[in-house]
Amino acid sequence: DAHTQIDGCSTQIDGCSSVYGWSAATSGKKHEQAEVHRLRGNVAFGRSDFDTAMRQYCKALEVDDCDTAVLNNLAACCLAVKPRRSADALRYLARVLAQEPSNQKARER
């Protein structure tokens, strides 16, 4: 399987553990943990601290590597850093669109 390294975070690109949303193994406390990391990433992104945002989003993906909100956010980080990481962004967006073909954020990026 293809993987990408983003600041020490290895995330799978070509597949995921569930087809739609949270996998059966991801529930309750794990979902809450992933959500905390996603929200911390959002705060860091808002401060233009893209390295921290990417680390937080990667931690969320460790719980569920199919979370389209997190994948979209990682793509946004890849496009916001200098130099841009366009190839990584395109891979994340492709994964979002494979799960949600009408995802407007992914289509616009």
PDB file of N, CA and C in Angstrom:
ATOM      1  N   ASP A   1       0.828  -1.193   0.000  1.00  0.00           N
ATOM      2  CA  ASP A   1       0.000   0.000   0.000  1.00  0.00           C
ATOM      3  C   ASP A   1       0.870   1.255   0.000  1.00  0.00           C
ATOM      4  N   ALA A   2       0.368   2.282  -0.628  1.00  0.00           N
ATOM      5  CA  ALA A   2       1.099   3.546  -0.674  1.00  0.00           C
ATOM      6  C   ALA A   2       0.883   4.305   0.628  1.00  0.00           C
ATOM      7  N   HIS A   3       1.926   4.929   1.105  1.00  0.00           N
ATOM      8  CA  HIS A   3       1.857   5.736   2.309  1.00  0.00           C
ATOM      9  C   HIS A   3       2.539   7.062   2.033  1.00  0.00           C
ATOM     10  N   THR A   4       2.227   8.052   2.823  1.00  0.00           N
ATOM     11  CA  THR A   4       2.912   9.321   2.739  1.00  0.00           C
ATOM     12  C   THR A   4       3.382   9.712   4.127  1.00  0.00           C
ATOM     13  N   GLN A   5       4.493  10.393   4.203  1.00  0.00           N
ATOM     14  CA  GLN A   5       5.003  10.892   5.468  1.00  0.00           C
ATOM     15  C   GLN A   5       4.720  12.380   5.549  1.00  0.00           C
ATOM     16  N   ILE A   6       4.045  12.786   6.565  1.00  0.00           N
ATOM     17  CA  ILE A   6       3.820  14.197   6.822  1.00  0.00           C
ATOM     18  C   ILE A   6       4.298  14.471   8.235  1.00  0.00           C
ATOM     19  N   ASP A   7       5.429  15.105   8.341  1.00  0.00           N
ATOM     20  CA  ASP A   7       6.004  15.468   9.632  1.00  0.00           C
ATOM     21  C   ASP A   7       5.983  14.310  10.617  1.00  0.00           C
ATOM     22  N   GLY A   8       6.463  13.151  10.179  1.00  0.00           N
ATOM     23  CA  GLY A   8       6.558  12.005  11.056  1.00  0.00           C
ATOM     24  C   GLY A   8       5.293  11.178  11.169  1.00  0.00           C
ATOM     25  N   CYS A   9       4.258  11.552  10.453  1.00  0.00           N
ATOM     26  CA  CYS A   9       2.994  10.831  10.518  1.00  0.00           C
ATOM     27  C   CYS A   9       2.826  10.012   9.252  1.00  0.00           C
ATOM     28  N   SER A  10       2.753   8.716   9.392  1.00  0.00           N
ATOM     29  CA  SER A  10       2.528   7.860   8.235  1.00  0.00           C
ATOM     30  C   SER A  10       1.045   7.582   8.121  1.00  0.00           C
ATOM     31  N   THR A  11       0.440   8.002   7.021  1.00  0.00           N
ATOM     32  CA  THR A  11      -0.984   7.769   6.813  1.00  0.00           C
ATOM     33  C   THR A  11      -1.184   7.029   5.511  1.00  0.00           C
ATOM     34  N   GLN A  12      -2.066   6.072   5.538  1.00  0.00           N
ATOM     35  CA  GLN A  12      -2.321   5.257   4.358  1.00  0.00           C
ATOM     36  C   GLN A  12      -3.065   6.085   3.318  1.00  0.00           C
ATOM     37  N   ILE A  13      -2.695   5.935   2.060  1.00  0.00           N
ATOM     38  CA  ILE A  13      -3.305   6.699   0.981  1.00  0.00           C
ATOM     39  C   ILE A  13      -4.272   5.852   0.162  1.00  0.00           C
ATOM     40  N   ASP A  14      -3.941   4.617  -0.137  1.00  0.00           N
ATOM     41  CA  ASP A  14      -4.717   3.834  -1.091  1.00  0.00           C
ATOM     42  C   ASP A  14      -5.899   3.081  -0.519  1.00  0.00           C
ATOM     43  N   GLY A  15      -6.130   3.126   0.733  1.00  0.00           N
ATOM     44  CA  GLY A  15      -7.238   2.382   1.297  1.00  0.00           C
ATOM     45  C   GLY A  15      -7.481   2.830   2.702  1.00  0.00           C
ATOM     46  N   CYS A  16      -8.544   2.304   3.285  1.00  0.00           N
ATOM     47  CA  CYS A  16      -8.828   2.658   4.657  1.00  0.00           C
ATOM     48  C   CYS A  16      -9.550   1.514   5.322  1.00  0.00           C
ATOM     49  N   SER A  17      -9.705   1.620   6.622  1.00  0.00           N
ATOM     50  CA  SER A  17     -10.251   0.511   7.385  1.00  0.00           C
ATOM     51  C   SER A  17     -11.758   0.405   7.288  1.00  0.00           C
ATOM     52  N   SER A  18     -12.413   1.432   6.817  1.00  0.00           N
ATOM     53  CA  SER A  18     -13.857   1.352   6.647  1.00  0.00           C
ATOM     54  C   SER A  18     -14.231   2.044   5.345  1.00  0.00           C
ATOM     55  N   VAL A  19     -15.336   1.671   4.786  1.00  0.00           N
ATOM     56  CA  VAL A  19     -15.753   2.246   3.519  1.00  0.00           C
ATOM     57  C   VAL A  19     -16.446   3.582   3.741  1.00  0.00           C
ATOM     58  N   TYR A  20     -17.280   3.668   4.747  1.00  0.00           N
ATOM     59  CA  TYR A  20     -18.026   4.893   5.017  1.00  0.00           C
ATOM     60  C   TYR A  20     -17.851   5.295   6.474  1.00  0.00           C
ATOM     61  N   GLY A  21     -17.234   6.444   6.694  1.00  0.00           N
ATOM     62  CA  GLY A  21     -17.153   6.996   8.031  1.00  0.00           C
ATOM     63  C   GLY A  21     -16.400   6.135   9.021  1.00  0.00           C
ATOM     64  N   TRP A  22     -16.846   6.151  10.260  1.00  0.00           N
ATOM     65  CA  TRP A  22     -16.162   5.478  11.349  1.00  0.00           C
ATOM     66  C   TRP A  22     -16.320   3.977  11.231  1.00  0.00           C
ATOM     67  N   SER A  23     -15.222   3.260  11.398  1.00  0.00           N
ATOM     68  CA  SER A  23     -15.257   1.808  11.371  1.00  0.00           C
ATOM     69  C   SER A  23     -15.930   1.294  12.637  1.00  0.00           C
ATOM     70  N   ALA A  24     -16.341   0.040  12.600  1.00  0.00           N
ATOM     71  CA  ALA A  24     -17.021  -0.552  13.744  1.00  0.00           C
ATOM     72  C   ALA A  24     -16.155  -0.513  14.995  1.00  0.00           C
ATOM     73  N   ALA A  25     -14.840  -0.630  14.812  1.00  0.00           N
ATOM     74  CA  ALA A  25     -13.927  -0.635  15.956  1.00  0.00           C
ATOM     75  C   ALA A  25     -13.761   0.757  16.557  1.00  0.00           C
ATOM     76  N   THR A  26     -14.152   1.768  15.822  1.00  0.00           N
ATOM     77  CA  THR A  26     -13.980   3.141  16.274  1.00  0.00           C
ATOM     78  C   THR A  26     -15.295   3.611  16.881  1.00  0.00           C
ATOM     79  N   SER A  27     -15.340   3.645  18.192  1.00  0.00           N
ATOM     80  CA  SER A  27     -16.579   4.068  18.817  1.00  0.00           C
ATOM     81  C   SER A  27     -16.282   4.773  20.116  1.00  0.00           C
ATOM     82  N   GLY A  28     -17.287   5.417  20.637  1.00  0.00           N
ATOM     83  CA  GLY A  28     -17.205   6.029  21.957  1.00  0.00           C
ATOM     84  C   GLY A  28     -15.964   6.832  22.213  1.00  0.00           C
ATOM     85  N   LYS A  29     -15.145   6.324  23.137  1.00  0.00           N
ATOM     86  CA  LYS A  29     -13.959   7.050  23.596  1.00  0.00           C
ATOM     87  C   LYS A  29     -12.974   7.324  22.458  1.00  0.00           C
ATOM     88  N   LYS A  30     -12.772   6.354  21.566  1.00  0.00           N
ATOM     89  CA  LYS A  30     -11.843   6.560  20.452  1.00  0.00           C
ATOM     90  C   LYS A  30     -12.349   7.672  19.538  1.00  0.00           C
ATOM     91  N   HIS A  31     -13.648   7.673  19.269  1.00  0.00           N
ATOM     92  CA  HIS A  31     -14.223   8.732  18.427  1.00  0.00           C
ATOM     93  C   HIS A  31     -14.010  10.089  19.090  1.00  0.00           C
ATOM     94  N   GLU A  32     -14.215  10.162  20.396  1.00  0.00           N
ATOM     95  CA  GLU A  32     -14.006  11.411  21.128  1.00  0.00           C
ATOM     96  C   GLU A  32     -12.547  11.850  21.044  1.00  0.00           C
ATOM     97  N   GLN A  33     -11.624  10.904  21.177  1.00  0.00           N
ATOM     98  CA  GLN A  33     -10.198  11.236  21.084  1.00  0.00           C
ATOM     99  C   GLN A  33      -9.872  11.796  19.708  1.00  0.00           C
ATOM    100  N   ALA A  34     -10.394  11.161  18.678  1.00  0.00           N
ATOM    101  CA  ALA A  34     -10.140  11.633  17.319  1.00  0.00           C
ATOM    102  C   ALA A  34     -10.717  13.026  17.127  1.00  0.00           C
ATOM    103  N   GLU A  35     -11.884  13.252  17.670  1.00  0.00           N
ATOM    104  CA  GLU A  35     -12.529  14.568  17.543  1.00  0.00           C
ATOM    105  C   GLU A  35     -11.722  15.643  18.259  1.00  0.00           C
ATOM    106  N   VAL A  36     -11.159  15.317  19.415  1.00  0.00           N
ATOM    107  CA  VAL A  36     -10.314  16.271  20.138  1.00  0.00           C
ATOM    108  C   VAL A  36      -9.113  16.651  19.276  1.00  0.00           C
ATOM    109  N   HIS A  37      -8.484  15.663  18.656  1.00  0.00           N
ATOM    110  CA  HIS A  37      -7.329  15.949  17.796  1.00  0.00           C
ATOM    111  C   HIS A  37      -7.743  16.789  16.585  1.00  0.00           C
ATOM    112  N   ARG A  38      -8.894  16.480  16.011  1.00  0.00           N
ATOM    113  CA  ARG A  38      -9.365  17.260  14.859  1.00  0.00           C
ATOM    114  C   ARG A  38      -9.595  18.716  15.263  1.00  0.00           C
ATOM    115  N   LEU A  39     -10.236  18.914  16.408  1.00  0.00           N
ATOM    116  CA  LEU A  39     -10.514  20.276  16.860  1.00  0.00           C
ATOM    117  C   LEU A  39      -9.236  21.034  17.219  1.00  0.00           C
ATOM    118  N   ARG A  40      -8.275  20.339  17.829  1.00  0.00           N
ATOM    119  CA  ARG A  40      -6.975  20.978  18.106  1.00  0.00           C
ATOM    120  C   ARG A  40      -6.295  21.359  16.796  1.00  0.00           C
ATOM    121  N   GLY A  41      -6.410  20.490  15.807  1.00  0.00           N
ATOM    122  CA  GLY A  41      -5.865  20.807  14.489  1.00  0.00           C
ATOM    123  C   GLY A  41      -6.522  22.040  13.896  1.00  0.00           C
ATOM    124  N   ASN A  42      -7.828  22.139  14.065  1.00  0.00           N
ATOM    125  CA  ASN A  42      -8.548  23.304  13.545  1.00  0.00           C
ATOM    126  C   ASN A  42      -8.066  24.596  14.202  1.00  0.00           C
ATOM    127  N   VAL A  43      -7.852  24.546  15.516  1.00  0.00           N
ATOM    128  CA  VAL A  43      -7.352  25.732  16.226  1.00  0.00           C
ATOM    129  C   VAL A  43      -5.960  26.101  15.706  1.00  0.00           C
ATOM    130  N   ALA A  44      -5.092  25.120  15.574  1.00  0.00           N
ATOM    131  CA  ALA A  44      -3.738  25.380  15.068  1.00  0.00           C
ATOM    132  C   ALA A  44      -3.798  25.935  13.640  1.00  0.00           C
ATOM    133  N   PHE A  45      -4.665  25.366  12.807  1.00  0.00           N
ATOM    134  CA  PHE A  45      -4.807  25.856  11.434  1.00  0.00           C
ATOM    135  C   PHE A  45      -5.241  27.324  11.446  1.00  0.00           C
ATOM    136  N   GLY A  46      -6.167  27.660  12.322  1.00  0.00           N
ATOM    137  CA  GLY A  46      -6.632  29.048  12.438  1.00  0.00           C
ATOM    138  C   GLY A  46      -5.533  30.014  12.834  1.00  0.00           C
ATOM    139  N   ARG A  47      -4.521  29.497  13.546  1.00  0.00           N
ATOM    140  CA  ARG A  47      -3.359  30.319  13.930  1.00  0.00           C
ATOM    141  C   ARG A  47      -2.255  30.265  12.875  1.00  0.00           C
ATOM    142  N   SER A  48      -2.512  29.585  11.775  1.00  0.00           N
ATOM    143  CA  SER A  48      -1.526  29.361  10.706  1.00  0.00           C
ATOM    144  C   SER A  48      -0.341  28.530  11.186  1.00  0.00           C
ATOM    145  N   ASP A  49      -0.554  27.716  12.213  1.00  0.00           N
ATOM    146  CA  ASP A  49       0.459  26.792  12.712  1.00  0.00           C
ATOM    147  C   ASP A  49       0.206  25.444  12.033  1.00  0.00           C
ATOM    148  N   PHE A  50       0.606  25.355  10.770  1.00  0.00           N
ATOM    149  CA  PHE A  50       0.246  24.213   9.938  1.00  0.00           C
ATOM    150  C   PHE A  50       0.945  22.925  10.351  1.00  0.00           C
ATOM    151  N   ASP A  51       2.160  23.018  10.890  1.00  0.00           N
ATOM    152  CA  ASP A  51       2.847  21.808  11.350  1.00  0.00           C
ATOM    153  C   ASP A  51       2.087  21.163  12.506  1.00  0.00           C
ATOM    154  N   THR A  52       1.663  21.972  13.469  1.00  0.00           N
ATOM    155  CA  THR A  52       0.885  21.439  14.588  1.00  0.00           C
ATOM    156  C   THR A  52      -0.453  20.907  14.102  1.00  0.00           C
ATOM    157  N   ALA A  53      -1.084  21.623  13.202  1.00  0.00           N
ATOM    158  CA  ALA A  53      -2.370  21.174  12.660  1.00  0.00           C
ATOM    159  C   ALA A  53      -2.214  19.809  11.989  1.00  0.00           C
ATOM    160  N   MET A  54      -1.183  19.646  11.184  1.00  0.00           N
ATOM    161  CA  MET A  54      -0.964  18.361  10.518  1.00  0.00           C
ATOM    162  C   MET A  54      -0.739  17.245  11.517  1.00  0.00           C
ATOM    163  N   ARG A  55       0.045  17.515  12.560  1.00  0.00           N
ATOM    164  CA  ARG A  55       0.284  16.487  13.580  1.00  0.00           C
ATOM    165  C   ARG A  55      -1.027  16.081  14.259  1.00  0.00           C
ATOM    166  N   GLN A  56      -1.860  17.053  14.575  1.00  0.00           N
ATOM    167  CA  GLN A  56      -3.140  16.745  15.223  1.00  0.00           C
ATOM    168  C   GLN A  56      -4.063  15.969  14.282  1.00  0.00           C
ATOM    169  N   TYR A  57      -4.111  16.366  13.025  1.00  0.00           N
ATOM    170  CA  TYR A  57      -4.958  15.641  12.072  1.00  0.00           C
ATOM    171  C   TYR A  57      -4.441  14.213  11.870  1.00  0.00           C
ATOM    172  N   CYS A  58      -3.135  14.046  11.860  1.00  0.00           N
ATOM    173  CA  CYS A  58      -2.575  12.696  11.724  1.00  0.00           C
ATOM    174  C   CYS A  58      -2.946  11.830  12.926  1.00  0.00           C
ATOM    175  N   LYS A  59      -2.948  12.416  14.107  1.00  0.00           N
ATOM    176  CA  LYS A  59      -3.360  11.661  15.295  1.00  0.00           C
ATOM    177  C   LYS A  59      -4.826  11.240  15.174  1.00  0.00           C
ATOM    178  N   ALA A  60      -5.660  12.100  14.621  1.00  0.00           N
ATOM    179  CA  ALA A  60      -7.067  11.739  14.412  1.00  0.00           C
ATOM    180  C   ALA A  60      -7.176  10.595  13.408  1.00  0.00           C
ATOM    181  N   LEU A  61      -6.343  10.616  12.369  1.00  0.00           N
ATOM    182  CA  LEU A  61      -6.380   9.561  11.363  1.00  0.00           C
ATOM    183  C   LEU A  61      -5.873   8.226  11.901  1.00  0.00           C
ATOM    184  N   GLU A  62      -5.069   8.253  12.949  1.00  0.00           N
ATOM    185  CA  GLU A  62      -4.631   7.003  13.562  1.00  0.00           C
ATOM    186  C   GLU A  62      -5.817   6.228  14.118  1.00  0.00           C
ATOM    187  N   VAL A  63      -6.869   6.940  14.489  1.00  0.00           N
ATOM    188  CA  VAL A  63      -8.084   6.308  15.007  1.00  0.00           C
ATOM    189  C   VAL A  63      -8.973   5.858  13.851  1.00  0.00           C
ATOM    190  N   ASP A  64      -9.145   6.711  12.854  1.00  0.00           N
ATOM    191  CA  ASP A  64      -9.951   6.354  11.682  1.00  0.00           C
ATOM    192  C   ASP A  64      -9.333   7.007  10.456  1.00  0.00           C
ATOM    193  N   ASP A  65      -8.721   6.188   9.620  1.00  0.00           N
ATOM    194  CA  ASP A  65      -8.023   6.720   8.453  1.00  0.00           C
ATOM    195  C   ASP A  65      -8.976   7.057   7.299  1.00  0.00           C
ATOM    196  N   CYS A  66     -10.271   7.012   7.536  1.00  0.00           N
ATOM    197  CA  CYS A  66     -11.252   7.346   6.501  1.00  0.00           C
ATOM    198  C   CYS A  66     -12.048   8.602   6.831  1.00  0.00           C
ATOM    199  N   ASP A  67     -11.701   9.313   7.873  1.00  0.00           N
ATOM    200  CA  ASP A  67     -12.458  10.495   8.281  1.00  0.00           C
ATOM    201  C   ASP A  67     -12.282  11.585   7.225  1.00  0.00           C
ATOM    202  N   THR A  68     -13.336  11.840   6.462  1.00  0.00           N
ATOM    203  CA  THR A  68     -13.225  12.779   5.343  1.00  0.00           C
ATOM    204  C   THR A  68     -12.993  14.213   5.795  1.00  0.00           C
ATOM    205  N   ALA A  69     -13.509  14.593   6.957  1.00  0.00           N
ATOM    206  CA  ALA A  69     -13.257  15.951   7.455  1.00  0.00           C
ATOM    207  C   ALA A  69     -11.769  16.137   7.731  1.00  0.00           C
ATOM    208  N   VAL A  70     -11.151  15.138   8.338  1.00  0.00           N
ATOM    209  CA  VAL A  70      -9.729  15.213   8.651  1.00  0.00           C
ATOM    210  C   VAL A  70      -8.899  15.175   7.366  1.00  0.00           C
ATOM    211  N   LEU A  71      -9.277  14.317   6.435  1.00  0.00           N
ATOM    212  CA  LEU A  71      -8.558  14.246   5.161  1.00  0.00           C
ATOM    213  C   LEU A  71      -8.647  15.578   4.415  1.00  0.00           C
ATOM    214  N   ASN A  72      -9.815  16.190   4.414  1.00  0.00           N
ATOM    215  CA  ASN A  72      -9.980  17.510   3.805  1.00  0.00           C
ATOM    216  C   ASN A  72      -9.090  18.541   4.489  1.00  0.00           C
ATOM    217  N   ASN A  73      -9.048  18.489   5.821  1.00  0.00           N
ATOM    218  CA  ASN A  73      -8.236  19.443   6.567  1.00  0.00           C
ATOM    219  C   ASN A  73      -6.746  19.243   6.305  1.00  0.00           C
ATOM    220  N   LEU A  74      -6.325  17.994   6.197  1.00  0.00           N
ATOM    221  CA  LEU A  74      -4.923  17.730   5.864  1.00  0.00           C
ATOM    222  C   LEU A  74      -4.592  18.284   4.481  1.00  0.00           C
ATOM    223  N   ALA A  75      -5.499  18.117   3.544  1.00  0.00           N
ATOM    224  CA  ALA A  75      -5.280  18.669   2.204  1.00  0.00           C
ATOM    225  C   ALA A  75      -5.134  20.187   2.273  1.00  0.00           C
ATOM    226  N   ALA A  76      -5.974  20.825   3.075  1.00  0.00           N
ATOM    227  CA  ALA A  76      -5.890  22.282   3.224  1.00  0.00           C
ATOM    228  C   ALA A  76      -4.533  22.684   3.791  1.00  0.00           C
ATOM    229  N   CYS A  77      -4.031  21.923   4.766  1.00  0.00           N
ATOM    230  CA  CYS A  77      -2.700  22.208   5.320  1.00  0.00           C
ATOM    231  C   CYS A  77      -1.625  22.071   4.250  1.00  0.00           C
ATOM    232  N   CYS A  78      -1.710  21.012   3.471  1.00  0.00           N
ATOM    233  CA  CYS A  78      -0.716  20.774   2.419  1.00  0.00           C
ATOM    234  C   CYS A  78      -0.687  21.922   1.414  1.00  0.00           C
ATOM    235  N   LEU A  79      -1.839  22.530   1.184  1.00  0.00           N
ATOM    236  CA  LEU A  79      -1.910  23.642   0.243  1.00  0.00           C
ATOM    237  C   LEU A  79      -1.510  24.970   0.883  1.00  0.00           C
ATOM    238  N   ALA A  80      -1.560  25.032   2.223  1.00  0.00           N
ATOM    239  CA  ALA A  80      -1.256  26.277   2.927  1.00  0.00           C
ATOM    240  C   ALA A  80       0.225  26.440   3.253  1.00  0.00           C
ATOM    241  N   VAL A  81       0.952  25.329   3.396  1.00  0.00           N
ATOM    242  CA  VAL A  81       2.368  25.432   3.759  1.00  0.00           C
ATOM    243  C   VAL A  81       3.192  25.920   2.571  1.00  0.00           C
ATOM    244  N   LYS A  82       4.347  26.460   2.883  1.00  0.00           N
ATOM    245  CA  LYS A  82       5.286  26.891   1.849  1.00  0.00           C
ATOM    246  C   LYS A  82       6.532  26.034   1.950  1.00  0.00           C
ATOM    247  N   PRO A  83       7.006  25.366   0.944  1.00  0.00           N
ATOM    248  CA  PRO A  83       6.348  25.249  -0.354  1.00  0.00           C
ATOM    249  C   PRO A  83       5.121  24.327  -0.259  1.00  0.00           C
ATOM    250  N   ARG A  84       4.195  24.557  -1.165  1.00  0.00           N
ATOM    251  CA  ARG A  84       2.973  23.749  -1.197  1.00  0.00           C
ATOM    252  C   ARG A  84       3.301  22.280  -1.388  1.00  0.00           C
ATOM    253  N   ARG A  85       2.474  21.445  -0.816  1.00  0.00           N
ATOM    254  CA  ARG A  85       2.610  19.994  -0.971  1.00  0.00           C
ATOM    255  C   ARG A  85       1.412  19.511  -1.797  1.00  0.00           C
ATOM    256  N   SER A  86       1.369  19.964  -3.017  1.00  0.00           N
ATOM    257  CA  SER A  86       0.225  19.713  -3.887  1.00  0.00           C
ATOM    258  C   SER A  86      -0.039  18.233  -4.115  1.00  0.00           C
ATOM    259  N   ALA A  87       1.003  17.452  -4.293  1.00  0.00           N
ATOM    260  CA  ALA A  87       0.820  16.018  -4.550  1.00  0.00           C
ATOM    261  C   ALA A  87       0.154  15.339  -3.357  1.00  0.00           C
ATOM    262  N   ASP A  88       0.595  15.679  -2.138  1.00  0.00           N
ATOM    263  CA  ASP A  88      -0.038  15.121  -0.945  1.00  0.00           C
ATOM    264  C   ASP A  88      -1.493  15.566  -0.858  1.00  0.00           C
ATOM    265  N   ALA A  89      -1.744  16.848  -1.109  1.00  0.00           N
ATOM    266  CA  ALA A  89      -3.111  17.368  -1.057  1.00  0.00           C
ATOM    267  C   ALA A  89      -4.013  16.619  -2.035  1.00  0.00           C
ATOM    268  N   LEU A  90      -3.530  16.390  -3.234  1.00  0.00           N
ATOM    269  CA  LEU A  90      -4.339  15.685  -4.230  1.00  0.00           C
ATOM    270  C   LEU A  90      -4.660  14.266  -3.799  1.00  0.00           C
ATOM    271  N   ARG A  91      -3.718  13.594  -3.162  1.00  0.00           N
ATOM    272  CA  ARG A  91      -3.981  12.232  -2.679  1.00  0.00           C
ATOM    273  C   ARG A  91      -5.049  12.224  -1.586  1.00  0.00           C
ATOM    274  N   TYR A  92      -4.974  13.178  -0.667  1.00  0.00           N
ATOM    275  CA  TYR A  92      -5.999  13.257   0.385  1.00  0.00           C
ATOM    276  C   TYR A  92      -7.364  13.575  -0.218  1.00  0.00           C
ATOM    277  N   LEU A  93      -7.389  14.512  -1.141  1.00  0.00           N
ATOM    278  CA  LEU A  93      -8.665  14.889  -1.759  1.00  0.00           C
ATOM    279  C   LEU A  93      -9.252  13.745  -2.575  1.00  0.00           C
ATOM    280  N   ALA A  94      -8.399  12.974  -3.230  1.00  0.00           N
ATOM    281  CA  ALA A  94      -8.880  11.813  -3.985  1.00  0.00           C
ATOM    282  C   ALA A  94      -9.548  10.811  -3.054  1.00  0.00           C
ATOM    283  N   ARG A  95      -8.985  10.630  -1.878  1.00  0.00           N
ATOM    284  CA  ARG A  95      -9.600   9.711  -0.902  1.00  0.00           C
ATOM    285  C   ARG A  95     -10.944  10.223  -0.428  1.00  0.00           C
ATOM    286  N   VAL A  96     -11.038  11.534  -0.222  1.00  0.00           N
ATOM    287  CA  VAL A  96     -12.324  12.110   0.183  1.00  0.00           C
ATOM    288  C   VAL A  96     -13.359  11.863  -0.912  1.00  0.00           C
ATOM    289  N   LEU A  97     -12.992  12.187  -2.141  1.00  0.00           N
ATOM    290  CA  LEU A  97     -13.945  12.065  -3.252  1.00  0.00           C
ATOM    291  C   LEU A  97     -14.296  10.615  -3.564  1.00  0.00           C
ATOM    292  N   ALA A  98     -13.402   9.698  -3.267  1.00  0.00           N
ATOM    293  CA  ALA A  98     -13.717   8.280  -3.465  1.00  0.00           C
ATOM    294  C   ALA A  98     -14.828   7.842  -2.517  1.00  0.00           C
ATOM    295  N   GLN A  99     -14.870   8.429  -1.340  1.00  0.00           N
ATOM    296  CA  GLN A  99     -15.899   8.103  -0.354  1.00  0.00           C
ATOM    297  C   GLN A  99     -17.142   8.966  -0.514  1.00  0.00           C
ATOM    298  N   GLU A 100     -16.918  10.227  -0.859  1.00  0.00           N
ATOM    299  CA  GLU A 100     -18.016  11.196  -0.962  1.00  0.00           C
ATOM    300  C   GLU A 100     -17.845  12.003  -2.252  1.00  0.00           C
ATOM    301  N   PRO A 101     -18.292  11.470  -3.380  1.00  0.00           N
ATOM    302  CA  PRO A 101     -18.083  12.141  -4.668  1.00  0.00           C
ATOM    303  C   PRO A 101     -18.641  13.568  -4.742  1.00  0.00           C
ATOM    304  N   SER A 102     -19.621  13.877  -3.923  1.00  0.00           N
ATOM    305  CA  SER A 102     -20.205  15.218  -3.980  1.00  0.00           C
ATOM    306  C   SER A 102     -19.653  16.150  -2.904  1.00  0.00           C
ATOM    307  N   ASN A 103     -18.588  15.762  -2.211  1.00  0.00           N
ATOM    308  CA  ASN A 103     -17.998  16.589  -1.160  1.00  0.00           C
ATOM    309  C   ASN A 103     -17.512  17.909  -1.751  1.00  0.00           C
ATOM    310  N   GLN A 104     -18.213  18.969  -1.437  1.00  0.00           N
ATOM    311  CA  GLN A 104     -17.947  20.277  -2.056  1.00  0.00           C
ATOM    312  C   GLN A 104     -16.577  20.839  -1.712  1.00  0.00           C
ATOM    313  N   LYS A 105     -16.152  20.709  -0.460  1.00  0.00           N
ATOM    314  CA  LYS A 105     -14.832  21.228  -0.094  1.00  0.00           C
ATOM    315  C   LYS A 105     -13.735  20.563  -0.898  1.00  0.00           C
ATOM    316  N   ALA A 106     -13.794  19.246  -1.020  1.00  0.00           N
ATOM    317  CA  ALA A 106     -12.778  18.513  -1.763  1.00  0.00           C
ATOM    318  C   ALA A 106     -12.819  18.897  -3.230  1.00  0.00           C
ATOM    319  N   ARG A 107     -13.994  19.091  -3.782  1.00  0.00           N
ATOM    320  CA  ARG A 107     -14.113  19.460  -5.196  1.00  0.00           C
ATOM    321  C   ARG A 107     -13.553  20.864  -5.455  1.00  0.00           C
ATOM    322  N   GLU A 108     -13.730  21.770  -4.504  1.00  0.00           N
ATOM    323  CA  GLU A 108     -13.263  23.147  -4.685  1.00  0.00           C
ATOM    324  C   GLU A 108     -11.756  23.278  -4.515  1.00  0.00           C
ATOM    325  N   ARG A 109     -11.175  22.433  -3.708  1.00  0.00           N
ATOM    326  CA  ARG A 109      -9.725  22.534  -3.478  1.00  0.00           C
ATOM    327  C   ARG A 109      -9.001  22.011  -4.675  1.00  0.00           C
TER     328      ARG A 109
END
